[in-house]
């Protein structure tokens, strides 16, 4: 049975995380509910915390020293005793009980807030752990676009969470604290929205700029042939801009003596990621011993839309092998 559960959780880690978070949330909720239900029994604890000498004297006179004494127990204890000024003592207990209710509700609110914060933290850390450990998610956000998308999602969720927290807290906060806390909340919200706006602007701005715009079409020679050679020479370079597939045509002719000779048209395989090319300029086949030839060459690149880029003329001096 346990092995089946382990296999199930290992094959579905996201659901396992959610189940663990739900169990933690139920435990926190049960703790809060139990403490709230037992709140009335803590009236004695509240009385013991008071520093007013009159309250301390009342508790000592009527034996109200236990932490678990409730309001009804305190009234019965006063009325059943032989102490003086019972009516005044009961009225004082009533005033203290009203103050206790405010204290108890504020204390319960603090516990509920802590429970909600703890549950939200568990859920967020669970989701973050799943995102960081899931292979499929990792393969997405490891790229630039995926990383920007992840940041946008996190800051968007954070901003929405802050807005919801502020909106809900307006109904929970004491009216005497609303103005001060809401002022600070607005500052926090302004910061979060500012960061989110910056990320969204950069994210979508970059996406728009990198859409279909390919930039100017150009060919750059990274390895020109040597000035003189006794064998075929290689010319290397790369293409920027335009749209694949590309073709690179090599044209050459003898400058000295002034004669043309055939050079085959060469094509580059369509590759939009590595737009590199290499072409070979052969030596003239009729080059005779004791002679040399100065050959001018030129590269002409074309893209899918038949946009043309032509380089300047380069010169290679071919010498016959000795």
C-alpha atoms as a PDB file:
ATOM      1  CA  UNK A   1       0.000   0.000   0.000  1.00  0.00           C
ATOM      2  CA  UNK A   2       2.747   2.423   0.986  1.00  0.00           C
ATOM      3  CA  UNK A   3       4.736   1.528  -2.135  1.00  0.00           C
ATOM      4  CA  UNK A   4       1.713   2.318  -4.295  1.00  0.00           C
ATOM      5  CA  UNK A   5       1.335   5.721  -2.643  1.00  0.00           C
ATOM      6  CA  UNK A   6       5.044   6.482  -3.146  1.00  0.00           C
ATOM      7  CA  UNK A   7       4.830   5.488  -6.816  1.00  0.00           C
ATOM      8  CA  UNK A   8       1.712   7.598  -7.283  1.00  0.00           C
ATOM      9  CA  UNK A   9       3.324  10.665  -5.711  1.00  0.00           C
ATOM     10  CA  UNK A  10       6.587  10.195  -7.630  1.00  0.00           C
ATOM     11  CA  UNK A  11       4.712   9.987 -10.933  1.00  0.00           C
ATOM     12  CA  UNK A  12       2.501  12.985 -10.096  1.00  0.00           C
ATOM     13  CA  UNK A  13       4.661  15.345  -7.997  1.00  0.00           C
ATOM     14  CA  UNK A  14       2.411  18.350  -8.527  1.00  0.00           C
ATOM     15  CA  UNK A  15      -0.617  16.601  -7.031  1.00  0.00           C
ATOM     16  CA  UNK A  16       1.535  15.304  -4.204  1.00  0.00           C
ATOM     17  CA  UNK A  17       2.580  18.853  -3.380  1.00  0.00           C
ATOM     18  CA  UNK A  18      -1.035  20.019  -3.443  1.00  0.00           C
ATOM     19  CA  UNK A  19      -2.126  17.197  -1.133  1.00  0.00           C
ATOM     20  CA  UNK A  20       0.639  17.996   1.360  1.00  0.00           C
ATOM     21  CA  UNK A  21      -0.288  21.690   1.235  1.00  0.00           C
ATOM     22  CA  UNK A  22      -3.960  20.815   1.773  1.00  0.00           C
ATOM     23  CA  UNK A  23      -3.111  18.667   4.809  1.00  0.00           C
ATOM     24  CA  UNK A  24      -1.032  21.493   6.275  1.00  0.00           C
ATOM     25  CA  UNK A  25      -3.856  23.941   5.574  1.00  0.00           C
ATOM     26  CA  UNK A  26      -6.409  21.686   7.289  1.00  0.00           C
ATOM     27  CA  UNK A  27      -4.119  21.356  10.297  1.00  0.00           C
ATOM     28  CA  UNK A  28      -3.673  25.114  10.561  1.00  0.00           C
ATOM     29  CA  UNK A  29      -7.417  25.642  10.157  1.00  0.00           C
ATOM     30  CA  UNK A  30      -8.164  23.108  12.891  1.00  0.00           C
ATOM     31  CA  UNK A  31      -5.719  24.816  15.208  1.00  0.00           C
ATOM     32  CA  UNK A  32      -7.310  28.212  14.584  1.00  0.00           C
ATOM     33  CA  UNK A  33     -10.844  26.847  15.023  1.00  0.00           C
ATOM     34  CA  UNK A  34      -9.947  25.083  18.248  1.00  0.00           C
ATOM     35  CA  UNK A  35      -8.289  28.149  19.669  1.00  0.00           C
ATOM     36  CA  UNK A  36     -11.247  30.274  18.685  1.00  0.00           C
ATOM     37  CA  UNK A  37     -13.689  27.848  20.340  1.00  0.00           C
ATOM     38  CA  UNK A  38     -11.659  27.856  23.523  1.00  0.00           C
ATOM     39  CA  UNK A  39     -11.384  31.639  23.580  1.00  0.00           C
ATOM     40  CA  UNK A  40     -14.222  32.139  26.111  1.00  0.00           C
ATOM     41  CA  UNK A  41     -12.363  30.037  28.661  1.00  0.00           C
ATOM     42  CA  UNK A  42      -9.413  32.436  28.586  1.00  0.00           C
ATOM     43  CA  UNK A  43     -11.199  35.323  30.319  1.00  0.00           C
ATOM     44  CA  UNK A  44      -9.253  34.483  33.478  1.00  0.00           C
ATOM     45  CA  UNK A  45      -5.983  34.728  31.554  1.00  0.00           C
ATOM     46  CA  UNK A  46      -7.013  38.179  30.345  1.00  0.00           C
ATOM     47  CA  UNK A  47      -7.805  39.308  33.909  1.00  0.00           C
ATOM     48  CA  UNK A  48      -4.409  38.141  35.161  1.00  0.00           C
ATOM     49  CA  UNK A  49      -2.688  40.251  32.496  1.00  0.00           C
ATOM     50  CA  UNK A  50      -4.256  43.480  33.735  1.00  0.00           C
ATOM     51  CA  UNK A  51      -1.998  45.843  35.677  1.00  0.00           C
ATOM     52  CA  UNK A  52      -4.782  47.954  37.209  1.00  0.00           C
ATOM     53  CA  UNK A  53      -4.574  47.558  41.036  1.00  0.00           C
ATOM     54  CA  UNK A  54      -8.389  47.589  41.291  1.00  0.00           C
ATOM     55  CA  UNK A  55      -8.666  44.604  38.916  1.00  0.00           C
ATOM     56  CA  UNK A  56      -5.939  42.737  40.758  1.00  0.00           C
ATOM     57  CA  UNK A  57      -7.699  43.398  44.082  1.00  0.00           C
ATOM     58  CA  UNK A  58     -11.018  42.162  42.637  1.00  0.00           C
ATOM     59  CA  UNK A  59      -9.416  38.926  41.428  1.00  0.00           C
ATOM     60  CA  UNK A  60      -7.718  38.324  44.776  1.00  0.00           C
ATOM     61  CA  UNK A  61     -10.876  39.106  46.749  1.00  0.00           C
ATOM     62  CA  UNK A  62     -13.129  36.728  44.842  1.00  0.00           C
ATOM     63  CA  UNK A  63     -10.525  34.092  43.925  1.00  0.00           C
ATOM     64  CA  UNK A  64     -10.484  34.801  40.190  1.00  0.00           C
ATOM     65  CA  UNK A  65      -6.928  33.567  39.680  1.00  0.00           C
ATOM     66  CA  UNK A  66      -7.323  30.668  37.241  1.00  0.00           C
ATOM     67  CA  UNK A  67      -6.514  30.985  33.528  1.00  0.00           C
ATOM     68  CA  UNK A  68      -9.497  28.846  32.527  1.00  0.00           C
ATOM     69  CA  UNK A  69     -12.154  30.928  34.309  1.00  0.00           C
ATOM     70  CA  UNK A  70     -14.903  32.147  31.982  1.00  0.00           C
ATOM     71  CA  UNK A  71     -17.136  35.177  32.420  1.00  0.00           C
ATOM     72  CA  UNK A  72     -20.063  33.130  33.739  1.00  0.00           C
ATOM     73  CA  UNK A  73     -17.783  31.368  36.202  1.00  0.00           C
ATOM     74  CA  UNK A  74     -16.439  34.711  37.413  1.00  0.00           C
ATOM     75  CA  UNK A  75     -19.958  36.134  37.962  1.00  0.00           C
ATOM     76  CA  UNK A  76     -21.078  33.013  39.863  1.00  0.00           C
ATOM     77  CA  UNK A  77     -17.947  33.180  41.977  1.00  0.00           C
ATOM     78  CA  UNK A  78     -18.650  36.808  42.919  1.00  0.00           C
ATOM     79  CA  UNK A  79     -22.360  36.296  43.632  1.00  0.00           C
ATOM     80  CA  UNK A  80     -21.725  33.182  45.707  1.00  0.00           C
ATOM     81  CA  UNK A  81     -19.110  34.794  47.909  1.00  0.00           C
ATOM     82  CA  UNK A  82     -19.414  36.889  51.053  1.00  0.00           C
ATOM     83  CA  UNK A  83     -17.290  39.707  49.656  1.00  0.00           C
ATOM     84  CA  UNK A  84     -18.363  43.375  49.765  1.00  0.00           C
ATOM     85  CA  UNK A  85     -19.738  45.429  46.868  1.00  0.00           C
ATOM     86  CA  UNK A  86     -20.872  42.491  44.745  1.00  0.00           C
ATOM     87  CA  UNK A  87     -22.854  44.708  42.357  1.00  0.00           C
ATOM     88  CA  UNK A  88     -19.826  46.909  41.703  1.00  0.00           C
ATOM     89  CA  UNK A  89     -17.667  43.800  41.217  1.00  0.00           C
ATOM     90  CA  UNK A  90     -20.128  42.311  38.680  1.00  0.00           C
ATOM     91  CA  UNK A  91     -20.340  45.646  36.823  1.00  0.00           C
ATOM     92  CA  UNK A  92     -16.543  45.795  36.698  1.00  0.00           C
ATOM     93  CA  UNK A  93     -16.418  42.239  35.368  1.00  0.00           C
ATOM     94  CA  UNK A  94     -18.932  43.211  32.670  1.00  0.00           C
ATOM     95  CA  UNK A  95     -16.737  46.119  31.580  1.00  0.00           C
ATOM     96  CA  UNK A  96     -13.680  43.900  31.556  1.00  0.00           C
ATOM     97  CA  UNK A  97     -15.528  41.233  29.580  1.00  0.00           C
ATOM     98  CA  UNK A  98     -16.408  43.782  26.880  1.00  0.00           C
ATOM     99  CA  UNK A  99     -12.732  44.766  26.669  1.00  0.00           C
ATOM    100  CA  UNK A 100     -11.822  41.077  26.639  1.00  0.00           C
ATOM    101  CA  UNK A 101     -14.075  40.416  23.637  1.00  0.00           C
ATOM    102  CA  UNK A 102     -12.249  43.099  21.636  1.00  0.00           C
ATOM    103  CA  UNK A 103      -8.913  41.667  22.721  1.00  0.00           C
ATOM    104  CA  UNK A 104     -10.030  38.140  21.884  1.00  0.00           C
ATOM    105  CA  UNK A 105     -11.292  39.093  18.417  1.00  0.00           C
ATOM    106  CA  UNK A 106      -8.053  40.935  17.683  1.00  0.00           C
ATOM    107  CA  UNK A 107      -6.060  37.951  18.894  1.00  0.00           C
ATOM    108  CA  UNK A 108      -8.160  35.579  16.781  1.00  0.00           C
ATOM    109  CA  UNK A 109      -7.636  37.838  13.774  1.00  0.00           C
ATOM    110  CA  UNK A 110      -3.882  37.673  14.321  1.00  0.00           C
ATOM    111  CA  UNK A 111      -4.048  33.883  14.456  1.00  0.00           C
ATOM    112  CA  UNK A 112      -6.208  33.694  11.316  1.00  0.00           C
ATOM    113  CA  UNK A 113      -3.879  36.084   9.504  1.00  0.00           C
ATOM    114  CA  UNK A 114      -0.901  33.989  10.539  1.00  0.00           C
ATOM    115  CA  UNK A 115      -2.655  30.816   9.384  1.00  0.00           C
ATOM    116  CA  UNK A 116      -3.562  32.302   5.996  1.00  0.00           C
ATOM    117  CA  UNK A 117      -0.037  33.641   5.567  1.00  0.00           C
ATOM    118  CA  UNK A 118       1.458  30.269   6.470  1.00  0.00           C
ATOM    119  CA  UNK A 119      -0.844  28.441   4.056  1.00  0.00           C
ATOM    120  CA  UNK A 120      -0.092  30.913   1.253  1.00  0.00           C
ATOM    121  CA  UNK A 121       3.631  30.509   1.923  1.00  0.00           C
ATOM    122  CA  UNK A 122       3.366  26.720   1.780  1.00  0.00           C
ATOM    123  CA  UNK A 123       1.423  26.843  -1.487  1.00  0.00           C
ATOM    124  CA  UNK A 124       3.823  29.344  -3.056  1.00  0.00           C
ATOM    125  CA  UNK A 125       6.921  27.397  -2.023  1.00  0.00           C
ATOM    126  CA  UNK A 126       5.295  24.175  -3.234  1.00  0.00           C
ATOM    127  CA  UNK A 127       4.538  25.700  -6.616  1.00  0.00           C
ATOM    128  CA  UNK A 128       8.026  27.210  -6.832  1.00  0.00           C
ATOM    129  CA  UNK A 129       9.604  23.876  -5.967  1.00  0.00           C
ATOM    130  CA  UNK A 130       7.520  22.139  -8.613  1.00  0.00           C
ATOM    131  CA  UNK A 131       8.474  24.707 -11.260  1.00  0.00           C
ATOM    132  CA  UNK A 132      12.171  24.526 -10.419  1.00  0.00           C
ATOM    133  CA  UNK A 133      12.318  20.717 -10.355  1.00  0.00           C
ATOM    134  CA  UNK A 134       9.978  19.794 -13.200  1.00  0.00           C
ATOM    135  CA  UNK A 135      11.976  18.893 -16.316  1.00  0.00           C
ATOM    136  CA  UNK A 136       9.345  20.145 -18.730  1.00  0.00           C
ATOM    137  CA  UNK A 137       9.028  23.493 -16.969  1.00  0.00           C
ATOM    138  CA  UNK A 138      12.810  23.783 -16.694  1.00  0.00           C
ATOM    139  CA  UNK A 139      13.191  23.302 -20.443  1.00  0.00           C
ATOM    140  CA  UNK A 140      10.718  26.159 -20.975  1.00  0.00           C
ATOM    141  CA  UNK A 141      12.098  28.831 -18.672  1.00  0.00           C
ATOM    142  CA  UNK A 142      15.754  28.056 -19.396  1.00  0.00           C
ATOM    143  CA  UNK A 143      15.297  30.001 -22.641  1.00  0.00           C
ATOM    144  CA  UNK A 144      15.107  33.795 -22.726  1.00  0.00           C
ATOM    145  CA  UNK A 145      11.435  33.857 -23.734  1.00  0.00           C
ATOM    146  CA  UNK A 146      10.513  31.246 -21.135  1.00  0.00           C
ATOM    147  CA  UNK A 147      12.386  33.115 -18.412  1.00  0.00           C
ATOM    148  CA  UNK A 148      10.628  36.357 -19.245  1.00  0.00           C
ATOM    149  CA  UNK A 149       7.310  34.533 -19.213  1.00  0.00           C
ATOM    150  CA  UNK A 150       8.045  33.016 -15.789  1.00  0.00           C
ATOM    151  CA  UNK A 151       8.990  36.414 -14.321  1.00  0.00           C
ATOM    152  CA  UNK A 152       5.877  37.966 -15.819  1.00  0.00           C
ATOM    153  CA  UNK A 153       3.693  35.235 -14.314  1.00  0.00           C
ATOM    154  CA  UNK A 154       5.292  35.502 -10.856  1.00  0.00           C
ATOM    155  CA  UNK A 155       5.081  39.287 -10.665  1.00  0.00           C
ATOM    156  CA  UNK A 156       1.570  39.262 -12.135  1.00  0.00           C
ATOM    157  CA  UNK A 157       0.419  36.756  -9.525  1.00  0.00           C
ATOM    158  CA  UNK A 158       2.134  38.749  -6.775  1.00  0.00           C
ATOM    159  CA  UNK A 159       0.454  41.972  -7.881  1.00  0.00           C
ATOM    160  CA  UNK A 160      -2.982  40.363  -8.015  1.00  0.00           C
ATOM    161  CA  UNK A 161      -2.372  38.799  -4.600  1.00  0.00           C
ATOM    162  CA  UNK A 162      -1.422  42.155  -3.081  1.00  0.00           C
ATOM    163  CA  UNK A 163      -4.529  43.777  -4.582  1.00  0.00           C
ATOM    164  CA  UNK A 164      -6.789  41.036  -3.205  1.00  0.00           C
ATOM    165  CA  UNK A 165      -5.095  41.196   0.195  1.00  0.00           C
ATOM    166  CA  UNK A 166      -5.602  44.954   0.416  1.00  0.00           C
ATOM    167  CA  UNK A 167      -9.221  44.699  -0.738  1.00  0.00           C
ATOM    168  CA  UNK A 168     -10.105  41.972   1.755  1.00  0.00           C
ATOM    169  CA  UNK A 169      -8.204  43.597   4.621  1.00  0.00           C
ATOM    170  CA  UNK A 170     -10.395  46.690   4.309  1.00  0.00           C
ATOM    171  CA  UNK A 171     -13.245  44.592   5.736  1.00  0.00           C
ATOM    172  CA  UNK A 172     -11.092  42.981   8.436  1.00  0.00           C
ATOM    173  CA  UNK A 173      -9.118  45.903   9.817  1.00  0.00           C
ATOM    174  CA  UNK A 174     -10.184  47.973  12.758  1.00  0.00           C
ATOM    175  CA  UNK A 175     -11.590  51.278  11.555  1.00  0.00           C
ATOM    176  CA  UNK A 176      -8.994  53.149  13.590  1.00  0.00           C
ATOM    177  CA  UNK A 177      -6.183  51.423  11.671  1.00  0.00           C
ATOM    178  CA  UNK A 178      -7.606  51.555   8.140  1.00  0.00           C
ATOM    179  CA  UNK A 179      -6.260  54.962   7.136  1.00  0.00           C
ATOM    180  CA  UNK A 180      -2.703  54.341   8.335  1.00  0.00           C
ATOM    181  CA  UNK A 181      -2.413  50.801   6.987  1.00  0.00           C
ATOM    182  CA  UNK A 182      -4.149  51.594   3.718  1.00  0.00           C
ATOM    183  CA  UNK A 183      -1.693  54.447   3.114  1.00  0.00           C
ATOM    184  CA  UNK A 184       1.236  52.054   3.488  1.00  0.00           C
ATOM    185  CA  UNK A 185      -0.565  49.467   1.361  1.00  0.00           C
ATOM    186  CA  UNK A 186      -0.923  51.976  -1.461  1.00  0.00           C
ATOM    187  CA  UNK A 187       2.826  52.598  -1.410  1.00  0.00           C
ATOM    188  CA  UNK A 188       3.516  48.863  -1.574  1.00  0.00           C
ATOM    189  CA  UNK A 189       0.987  48.411  -4.372  1.00  0.00           C
ATOM    190  CA  UNK A 190       2.532  51.285  -6.345  1.00  0.00           C
ATOM    191  CA  UNK A 191       5.969  49.647  -6.112  1.00  0.00           C
ATOM    192  CA  UNK A 192       4.677  46.229  -7.202  1.00  0.00           C
ATOM    193  CA  UNK A 193       2.686  47.683 -10.109  1.00  0.00           C
ATOM    194  CA  UNK A 194       5.724  49.725 -11.176  1.00  0.00           C
ATOM    195  CA  UNK A 195       7.934  46.631 -11.277  1.00  0.00           C
ATOM    196  CA  UNK A 196       5.219  44.647 -13.068  1.00  0.00           C
ATOM    197  CA  UNK A 197       4.749  47.416 -15.643  1.00  0.00           C
ATOM    198  CA  UNK A 198       8.481  47.502 -16.329  1.00  0.00           C
ATOM    199  CA  UNK A 199       8.637  43.730 -16.812  1.00  0.00           C
ATOM    200  CA  UNK A 200       5.535  43.648 -19.022  1.00  0.00           C
ATOM    201  CA  UNK A 201       6.808  46.540 -21.129  1.00  0.00           C
ATOM    202  CA  UNK A 202      10.183  44.893 -21.629  1.00  0.00           C
ATOM    203  CA  UNK A 203       8.658  41.456 -22.241  1.00  0.00           C
ATOM    204  CA  UNK A 204       6.113  42.461 -24.866  1.00  0.00           C
ATOM    205  CA  UNK A 205       8.362  45.163 -26.296  1.00  0.00           C
ATOM    206  CA  UNK A 206      11.119  42.627 -26.871  1.00  0.00           C
ATOM    207  CA  UNK A 207       8.638  40.169 -28.351  1.00  0.00           C
ATOM    208  CA  UNK A 208       7.366  42.805 -30.788  1.00  0.00           C
ATOM    209  CA  UNK A 209      10.842  43.918 -31.730  1.00  0.00           C
ATOM    210  CA  UNK A 210      11.977  40.354 -32.373  1.00  0.00           C
ATOM    211  CA  UNK A 211       8.874  39.327 -34.294  1.00  0.00           C
ATOM    212  CA  UNK A 212       9.225  39.342 -38.066  1.00  0.00           C
ATOM    213  CA  UNK A 213      11.905  42.006 -38.283  1.00  0.00           C
ATOM    214  CA  UNK A 214      15.095  40.455 -39.626  1.00  0.00           C
ATOM    215  CA  UNK A 215      17.257  43.546 -39.961  1.00  0.00           C
ATOM    216  CA  UNK A 216      19.246  44.612 -43.030  1.00  0.00           C
ATOM    217  CA  UNK A 217      20.406  41.841 -45.335  1.00  0.00           C
ATOM    218  CA  UNK A 218      24.196  41.645 -45.484  1.00  0.00           C
ATOM    219  CA  UNK A 219      27.092  39.273 -46.123  1.00  0.00           C
ATOM    220  CA  UNK A 220      30.301  39.485 -44.118  1.00  0.00           C
ATOM    221  CA  UNK A 221      33.552  37.705 -45.027  1.00  0.00           C
ATOM    222  CA  UNK A 222      35.264  36.393 -41.906  1.00  0.00           C
ATOM    223  CA  UNK A 223      38.108  34.502 -43.617  1.00  0.00           C
ATOM    224  CA  UNK A 224      39.300  36.086 -46.859  1.00  0.00           C
ATOM    225  CA  UNK A 225      41.684  34.133 -49.088  1.00  0.00           C
ATOM    226  CA  UNK A 226      45.418  34.781 -48.796  1.00  0.00           C
ATOM    227  CA  UNK A 227      46.900  37.312 -51.233  1.00  0.00           C
ATOM    228  CA  UNK A 228      48.841  34.598 -53.043  1.00  0.00           C
ATOM    229  CA  UNK A 229      48.295  30.877 -53.346  1.00  0.00           C
ATOM    230  CA  UNK A 230      49.319  27.808 -55.255  1.00  0.00           C
ATOM    231  CA  UNK A 231      46.086  25.876 -54.624  1.00  0.00           C
ATOM    232  CA  UNK A 232      42.341  26.476 -54.376  1.00  0.00           C
ATOM    233  CA  UNK A 233      41.470  28.918 -51.600  1.00  0.00           C
ATOM    234  CA  UNK A 234      38.536  28.931 -49.197  1.00  0.00           C
ATOM    235  CA  UNK A 235      36.388  31.986 -48.472  1.00  0.00           C
ATOM    236  CA  UNK A 236      34.280  31.903 -45.298  1.00  0.00           C
ATOM    237  CA  UNK A 237      31.675  34.280 -43.908  1.00  0.00           C
ATOM    238  CA  UNK A 238      28.165  34.647 -42.565  1.00  0.00           C
ATOM    239  CA  UNK A 239      24.857  36.224 -43.560  1.00  0.00           C
ATOM    240  CA  UNK A 240      22.722  38.481 -41.393  1.00  0.00           C
ATOM    241  CA  UNK A 241      19.161  39.648 -41.890  1.00  0.00           C
ATOM    242  CA  UNK A 242      16.900  38.617 -44.713  1.00  0.00           C
ATOM    243  CA  UNK A 243      14.951  35.372 -44.762  1.00  0.00           C
ATOM    244  CA  UNK A 244      16.297  31.853 -45.267  1.00  0.00           C
ATOM    245  CA  UNK A 245      17.044  29.929 -47.410  1.00  0.00           C
ATOM    246  CA  UNK A 246      20.019  31.785 -48.841  1.00  0.00           C
ATOM    247  CA  UNK A 247      22.231  31.310 -51.899  1.00  0.00           C
ATOM    248  CA  UNK A 248      25.788  32.519 -52.304  1.00  0.00           C
ATOM    249  CA  UNK A 249      27.188  32.911 -55.825  1.00  0.00           C
ATOM    250  CA  UNK A 250      30.905  33.261 -56.461  1.00  0.00           C
ATOM    251  CA  UNK A 251      32.019  35.126 -59.578  1.00  0.00           C
ATOM    252  CA  UNK A 252      35.660  35.395 -60.603  1.00  0.00           C
ATOM    253  CA  UNK A 253      37.739  36.485 -63.589  1.00  0.00           C
ATOM    254  CA  UNK A 254      41.376  36.920 -64.451  1.00  0.00           C
ATOM    255  CA  UNK A 255      42.532  40.472 -64.152  1.00  0.00           C
ATOM    256  CA  UNK A 256      46.065  39.803 -65.360  1.00  0.00           C
ATOM    257  CA  UNK A 257      45.806  38.483 -68.048  1.00  0.00           C
ATOM    258  CA  UNK A 258      42.293  39.750 -68.688  1.00  0.00           C
ATOM    259  CA  UNK A 259      40.461  36.447 -69.191  1.00  0.00           C
ATOM    260  CA  UNK A 260      37.345  35.024 -67.586  1.00  0.00           C
ATOM    261  CA  UNK A 261      37.035  31.452 -66.385  1.00  0.00           C
ATOM    262  CA  UNK A 262      34.111  29.472 -65.038  1.00  0.00           C
ATOM    263  CA  UNK A 263      33.416  29.166 -61.349  1.00  0.00           C
ATOM    264  CA  UNK A 264      30.468  26.998 -60.267  1.00  0.00           C
ATOM    265  CA  UNK A 265      27.505  28.586 -58.535  1.00  0.00           C
ATOM    266  CA  UNK A 266      27.451  27.441 -54.925  1.00  0.00           C
ATOM    267  CA  UNK A 267      24.421  27.223 -52.656  1.00  0.00           C
ATOM    268  CA  UNK A 268      24.313  27.399 -48.870  1.00  0.00           C
ATOM    269  CA  UNK A 269      21.982  25.026 -47.053  1.00  0.00           C
ATOM    270  CA  UNK A 270      19.002  26.874 -45.528  1.00  0.00           C
ATOM    271  CA  UNK A 271      19.846  27.265 -41.854  1.00  0.00           C
ATOM    272  CA  UNK A 272      18.291  30.175 -39.990  1.00  0.00           C
ATOM    273  CA  UNK A 273      20.329  29.591 -36.824  1.00  0.00           C
ATOM    274  CA  UNK A 274      23.852  29.277 -38.225  1.00  0.00           C
ATOM    275  CA  UNK A 275      23.908  31.401 -41.352  1.00  0.00           C
ATOM    276  CA  UNK A 276      27.524  30.601 -42.116  1.00  0.00           C
ATOM    277  CA  UNK A 277      28.936  29.666 -45.496  1.00  0.00           C
ATOM    278  CA  UNK A 278      32.177  28.545 -47.098  1.00  0.00           C
ATOM    279  CA  UNK A 279      32.982  28.658 -50.824  1.00  0.00           C
ATOM    280  CA  UNK A 280      36.075  27.576 -52.719  1.00  0.00           C
ATOM    281  CA  UNK A 281      37.856  29.630 -55.358  1.00  0.00           C
ATOM    282  CA  UNK A 282      39.800  27.237 -57.614  1.00  0.00           C
ATOM    283  CA  UNK A 283      43.051  28.132 -59.312  1.00  0.00           C
ATOM    284  CA  UNK A 284      42.895  28.645 -63.100  1.00  0.00           C
ATOM    285  CA  UNK A 285      43.204  25.278 -64.799  1.00  0.00           C
ATOM    286  CA  UNK A 286      45.401  26.681 -67.552  1.00  0.00           C
ATOM    287  CA  UNK A 287      47.987  28.157 -65.200  1.00  0.00           C
ATOM    288  CA  UNK A 288      51.351  27.254 -66.711  1.00  0.00           C
ATOM    289  CA  UNK A 289      54.744  27.017 -65.034  1.00  0.00           C
ATOM    290  CA  UNK A 290      56.549  30.298 -64.999  1.00  0.00           C
ATOM    291  CA  UNK A 291      53.318  32.286 -65.165  1.00  0.00           C
ATOM    292  CA  UNK A 292      50.973  33.719 -62.563  1.00  0.00           C
ATOM    293  CA  UNK A 293      47.437  35.024 -62.639  1.00  0.00           C
ATOM    294  CA  UNK A 294      45.714  37.742 -60.645  1.00  0.00           C
ATOM    295  CA  UNK A 295      42.101  36.687 -60.136  1.00  0.00           C
ATOM    296  CA  UNK A 296      39.368  39.034 -58.987  1.00  0.00           C
ATOM    297  CA  UNK A 297      36.456  37.531 -57.079  1.00  0.00           C
ATOM    298  CA  UNK A 298      33.080  38.746 -55.917  1.00  0.00           C
ATOM    299  CA  UNK A 299      30.334  37.194 -53.740  1.00  0.00           C
ATOM    300  CA  UNK A 300      26.631  37.711 -54.437  1.00  0.00           C
ATOM    301  CA  UNK A 301      24.154  36.637 -51.739  1.00  0.00           C
ATOM    302  CA  UNK A 302      20.388  36.304 -52.177  1.00  0.00           C
ATOM    303  CA  UNK A 303      17.681  35.500 -49.644  1.00  0.00           C
ATOM    304  CA  UNK A 304      14.236  33.938 -49.971  1.00  0.00           C
ATOM    305  CA  UNK A 305      12.701  37.221 -51.121  1.00  0.00           C
ATOM    306  CA  UNK A 306      15.430  37.554 -53.791  1.00  0.00           C
ATOM    307  CA  UNK A 307      17.029  40.474 -51.953  1.00  0.00           C
ATOM    308  CA  UNK A 308      20.617  40.763 -53.210  1.00  0.00           C
ATOM    309  CA  UNK A 309      23.808  41.785 -51.451  1.00  0.00           C
ATOM    310  CA  UNK A 310      27.052  42.055 -53.434  1.00  0.00           C
ATOM    311  CA  UNK A 311      30.522  42.334 -51.917  1.00  0.00           C
ATOM    312  CA  UNK A 312      33.389  44.371 -53.261  1.00  0.00           C
ATOM    313  CA  UNK A 313      35.986  42.816 -55.561  1.00  0.00           C
ATOM    314  CA  UNK A 314      38.889  40.996 -53.951  1.00  0.00           C
ATOM    315  CA  UNK A 315      42.083  39.859 -55.645  1.00  0.00           C
ATOM    316  CA  UNK A 316      44.078  36.636 -55.287  1.00  0.00           C
ATOM    317  CA  UNK A 317      47.410  35.988 -56.995  1.00  0.00           C
ATOM    318  CA  UNK A 318      47.715  32.378 -58.080  1.00  0.00           C
ATOM    319  CA  UNK A 319      51.182  30.983 -58.670  1.00  0.00           C
ATOM    320  CA  UNK A 320      51.934  27.602 -60.245  1.00  0.00           C
ATOM    321  CA  UNK A 321      53.372  24.893 -58.068  1.00  0.00           C
ATOM    322  CA  UNK A 322      57.156  24.635 -58.455  1.00  0.00           C
END
